[in-house]
Amino acid sequence: VQLQASGGGSVRAGESLRLSCAASTAIFDVNPLGWFRQTPGKPRELIATFRRGGVIDYADSVKGRFTISRDNAKSTLYLQMNSLKPEDTGVYYCHMWIHPTNYWGQGTLVTVSS
C-alpha cells in the first residue's frame, strides 16, 4: 500500500490550500483515515481523521477552518485548509490503518507566512 500526498506549498496567512492523498488501494472501508502534522521538535499530531461509524475528529486548533473529505471512487483523501495561520506550518502526512498496519504518506510541506 502506498500513499502519495500532494498540494503543499507556501502561502500567506488567511489564504487556503487543499491537500490530496492518493492511495494505491481501495479506501471505501478504511478507517481511521486522516491527516497528521509534524513540526520540528514536536511529536506528530492528529489534525483530522475519519473513524468508524462516520465519525470525523478534528484537532481543536483547526476546527472551523479545515475540512477533511474523501472520494472513495478515486481512492483519494483531501484536506481543505482555509484561513491558514503561521502556526499551521508543518509537514502534513496522510495516514491509514489497515489491520494490522499503519500506513503513512511521504509528507507534504505547508508553510504559512504572516
C-alpha atoms as a PDB file:
ATOM      1  CA  VAL A   1       0.000   0.000   0.000  1.00  0.00           C
ATOM      2  CA  GLN A   2       1.300   3.423  -0.946  1.00  0.00           C
ATOM      3  CA  LEU A   3       0.040   6.877  -0.100  1.00  0.00           C
ATOM      4  CA  GLN A   4       1.046   9.831  -2.245  1.00  0.00           C
ATOM      5  CA  ALA A   5       0.431  13.234  -0.670  1.00  0.00           C
ATOM      6  CA  SER A   6       0.459  16.467  -2.618  1.00  0.00           C
ATOM      7  CA  GLY A   7      -0.789  20.041  -2.520  1.00  0.00           C
ATOM      8  CA  GLY A   8       1.536  21.644  -0.026  1.00  0.00           C
ATOM      9  CA  GLY A   9       3.145  24.983  -0.639  1.00  0.00           C
ATOM     10  CA  SER A  10       3.949  28.421   0.698  1.00  0.00           C
ATOM     11  CA  VAL A  11       1.077  30.800   1.353  1.00  0.00           C
ATOM     12  CA  ARG A  12       0.306  33.888   3.382  1.00  0.00           C
ATOM     13  CA  ALA A  13      -1.847  33.925   6.490  1.00  0.00           C
ATOM     14  CA  GLY A  14      -5.525  33.894   5.600  1.00  0.00           C
ATOM     15  CA  GLU A  15      -5.068  32.004   2.357  1.00  0.00           C
ATOM     16  CA  SER A  16      -6.145  28.459   1.549  1.00  0.00           C
ATOM     17  CA  LEU A  17      -4.632  25.186   0.375  1.00  0.00           C
ATOM     18  CA  ARG A  18      -6.051  21.800  -0.454  1.00  0.00           C
ATOM     19  CA  LEU A  19      -4.012  18.710   0.244  1.00  0.00           C
ATOM     20  CA  SER A  20      -4.618  15.445  -1.572  1.00  0.00           C
ATOM     21  CA  CYS A  21      -3.542  11.926  -0.744  1.00  0.00           C
ATOM     22  CA  ALA A  22      -3.882   9.250  -3.391  1.00  0.00           C
ATOM     23  CA  ALA A  23      -3.918   5.676  -2.135  1.00  0.00           C
ATOM     24  CA  SER A  24      -2.834   2.649  -4.126  1.00  0.00           C
ATOM     25  CA  THR A  25      -5.628   0.583  -2.588  1.00  0.00           C
ATOM     26  CA  ALA A  26      -9.352   0.961  -2.178  1.00  0.00           C
ATOM     27  CA  ILE A  27     -10.281   3.160   0.755  1.00  0.00           C
ATOM     28  CA  PHE A  28     -14.075   2.840   0.910  1.00  0.00           C
ATOM     29  CA  ASP A  29     -13.925   0.772   4.105  1.00  0.00           C
ATOM     30  CA  VAL A  30     -10.715   2.143   5.565  1.00  0.00           C
ATOM     31  CA  ASN A  31     -10.906   3.783   8.982  1.00  0.00           C
ATOM     32  CA  PRO A  32      -9.123   5.534  10.503  1.00  0.00           C
ATOM     33  CA  LEU A  33      -8.095   7.591   7.510  1.00  0.00           C
ATOM     34  CA  GLY A  34      -6.742  11.049   8.086  1.00  0.00           C
ATOM     35  CA  TRP A  35      -4.082  13.709   8.303  1.00  0.00           C
ATOM     36  CA  PHE A  36      -1.323  14.407  10.802  1.00  0.00           C
ATOM     37  CA  ARG A  37       1.065  17.317  11.077  1.00  0.00           C
ATOM     38  CA  GLN A  38       4.624  17.429  12.315  1.00  0.00           C
ATOM     39  CA  THR A  39       6.713  20.450  13.241  1.00  0.00           C
ATOM     40  CA  PRO A  40      10.366  20.446  14.354  1.00  0.00           C
ATOM     41  CA  GLY A  41      10.853  19.281  17.916  1.00  0.00           C
ATOM     42  CA  LYS A  42       7.251  18.164  18.360  1.00  0.00           C
ATOM     43  CA  PRO A  43       5.539  14.822  18.017  1.00  0.00           C
ATOM     44  CA  ARG A  44       3.297  14.161  15.041  1.00  0.00           C
ATOM     45  CA  GLU A  45      -0.177  15.431  15.910  1.00  0.00           C
ATOM     46  CA  LEU A  46      -3.580  14.440  14.632  1.00  0.00           C
ATOM     47  CA  ILE A  47      -5.217  17.144  12.513  1.00  0.00           C
ATOM     48  CA  ALA A  48      -8.302  15.419  11.134  1.00  0.00           C
ATOM     49  CA  THR A  49      -9.428  11.861  10.640  1.00  0.00           C
ATOM     50  CA  PHE A  50     -12.333   9.662   9.655  1.00  0.00           C
ATOM     51  CA  ARG A  51     -13.202   6.985  12.184  1.00  0.00           C
ATOM     52  CA  ARG A  52     -15.600   4.076  12.034  1.00  0.00           C
ATOM     53  CA  GLY A  53     -19.264   4.892  12.021  1.00  0.00           C
ATOM     54  CA  GLY A  54     -18.853   8.067  10.025  1.00  0.00           C
ATOM     55  CA  VAL A  55     -17.232   9.932  12.883  1.00  0.00           C
ATOM     56  CA  ILE A  56     -14.836  12.743  11.997  1.00  0.00           C
ATOM     57  CA  ASP A  57     -12.380  14.146  14.519  1.00  0.00           C
ATOM     58  CA  TYR A  58     -10.574  17.456  14.217  1.00  0.00           C
ATOM     59  CA  ALA A  59      -7.853  18.985  16.327  1.00  0.00           C
ATOM     60  CA  ASP A  60      -9.244  21.907  18.299  1.00  0.00           C
ATOM     61  CA  SER A  61      -6.747  24.212  16.606  1.00  0.00           C
ATOM     62  CA  VAL A  62      -8.240  23.604  13.141  1.00  0.00           C
ATOM     63  CA  LYS A  63     -11.953  23.236  13.848  1.00  0.00           C
ATOM     64  CA  GLY A  64     -13.995  25.538  11.662  1.00  0.00           C
ATOM     65  CA  ARG A  65     -11.085  26.145   9.284  1.00  0.00           C
ATOM     66  CA  PHE A  66     -10.095  22.723   7.944  1.00  0.00           C
ATOM     67  CA  THR A  67     -12.355  20.149   6.299  1.00  0.00           C
ATOM     68  CA  ILE A  68     -11.437  16.540   5.646  1.00  0.00           C
ATOM     69  CA  SER A  69     -13.135  14.666   2.833  1.00  0.00           C
ATOM     70  CA  ARG A  70     -12.695  11.509   0.826  1.00  0.00           C
ATOM     71  CA  ASP A  71     -13.513  10.332  -2.676  1.00  0.00           C
ATOM     72  CA  ASN A  72     -13.738   6.574  -2.395  1.00  0.00           C
ATOM     73  CA  ALA A  73     -14.154   6.143  -6.142  1.00  0.00           C
ATOM     74  CA  LYS A  74     -10.776   7.838  -6.661  1.00  0.00           C
ATOM     75  CA  SER A  75      -9.163   6.356  -3.540  1.00  0.00           C
ATOM     76  CA  THR A  76      -8.217   9.869  -2.553  1.00  0.00           C
ATOM     77  CA  LEU A  77      -8.304  11.737   0.721  1.00  0.00           C
ATOM     78  CA  TYR A  78      -8.415  15.526   0.907  1.00  0.00           C
ATOM     79  CA  LEU A  79      -7.812  18.256   3.445  1.00  0.00           C
ATOM     80  CA  GLN A  80      -9.212  21.676   2.643  1.00  0.00           C
ATOM     81  CA  MET A  81      -7.381  24.250   4.730  1.00  0.00           C
ATOM     82  CA  ASN A  82      -8.866  27.734   4.930  1.00  0.00           C
ATOM     83  CA  SER A  83      -7.867  30.815   6.902  1.00  0.00           C
ATOM     84  CA  LEU A  84      -4.387  29.451   7.315  1.00  0.00           C
ATOM     85  CA  LYS A  85      -2.250  30.700  10.182  1.00  0.00           C
ATOM     86  CA  PRO A  86       1.534  30.687  10.650  1.00  0.00           C
ATOM     87  CA  GLU A  87       1.095  28.038  13.347  1.00  0.00           C
ATOM     88  CA  ASP A  88      -0.342  25.690  10.715  1.00  0.00           C
ATOM     89  CA  THR A  89       3.145  25.434   9.219  1.00  0.00           C
ATOM     90  CA  GLY A  90       4.494  21.909   9.149  1.00  0.00           C
ATOM     91  CA  VAL A  91       4.783  18.706   7.201  1.00  0.00           C
ATOM     92  CA  TYR A  92       1.416  17.082   6.651  1.00  0.00           C
ATOM     93  CA  TYR A  93       1.174  13.308   6.458  1.00  0.00           C
ATOM     94  CA  CYS A  94      -1.780  11.254   5.363  1.00  0.00           C
ATOM     95  CA  HIS A  95      -2.409   8.102   7.339  1.00  0.00           C
ATOM     96  CA  MET A  96      -4.491   4.976   7.125  1.00  0.00           C
ATOM     97  CA  TRP A  97      -4.778   1.871   9.198  1.00  0.00           C
ATOM     98  CA  ILE A  98      -5.450  -1.445   7.552  1.00  0.00           C
ATOM     99  CA  HIS A  99      -5.194  -4.201  10.099  1.00  0.00           C
ATOM    100  CA  PRO A 100      -2.592  -4.707  11.433  1.00  0.00           C
ATOM    101  CA  THR A 101      -0.513  -1.976   9.788  1.00  0.00           C
ATOM    102  CA  ASN A 102      -0.288   1.799   9.880  1.00  0.00           C
ATOM    103  CA  TYR A 103       0.498   3.358   6.527  1.00  0.00           C
ATOM    104  CA  TRP A 104       1.917   6.847   6.028  1.00  0.00           C
ATOM    105  CA  GLY A 105       2.339   9.095   3.038  1.00  0.00           C
ATOM    106  CA  GLN A 106       5.658  10.782   2.377  1.00  0.00           C
ATOM    107  CA  GLY A 107       4.560  14.159   3.730  1.00  0.00           C
ATOM    108  CA  THR A 108       3.891  17.460   2.058  1.00  0.00           C
ATOM    109  CA  LEU A 109       5.237  20.738   3.422  1.00  0.00           C
ATOM    110  CA  VAL A 110       2.926  23.626   4.208  1.00  0.00           C
ATOM    111  CA  THR A 111       4.483  26.970   5.051  1.00  0.00           C
ATOM    112  CA  VAL A 112       2.323  29.879   6.167  1.00  0.00           C
ATOM    113  CA  SER A 113       3.894  33.299   6.496  1.00  0.00           C
ATOM    114  CA  SER A 114       2.441  36.203   8.412  1.00  0.00           C
END
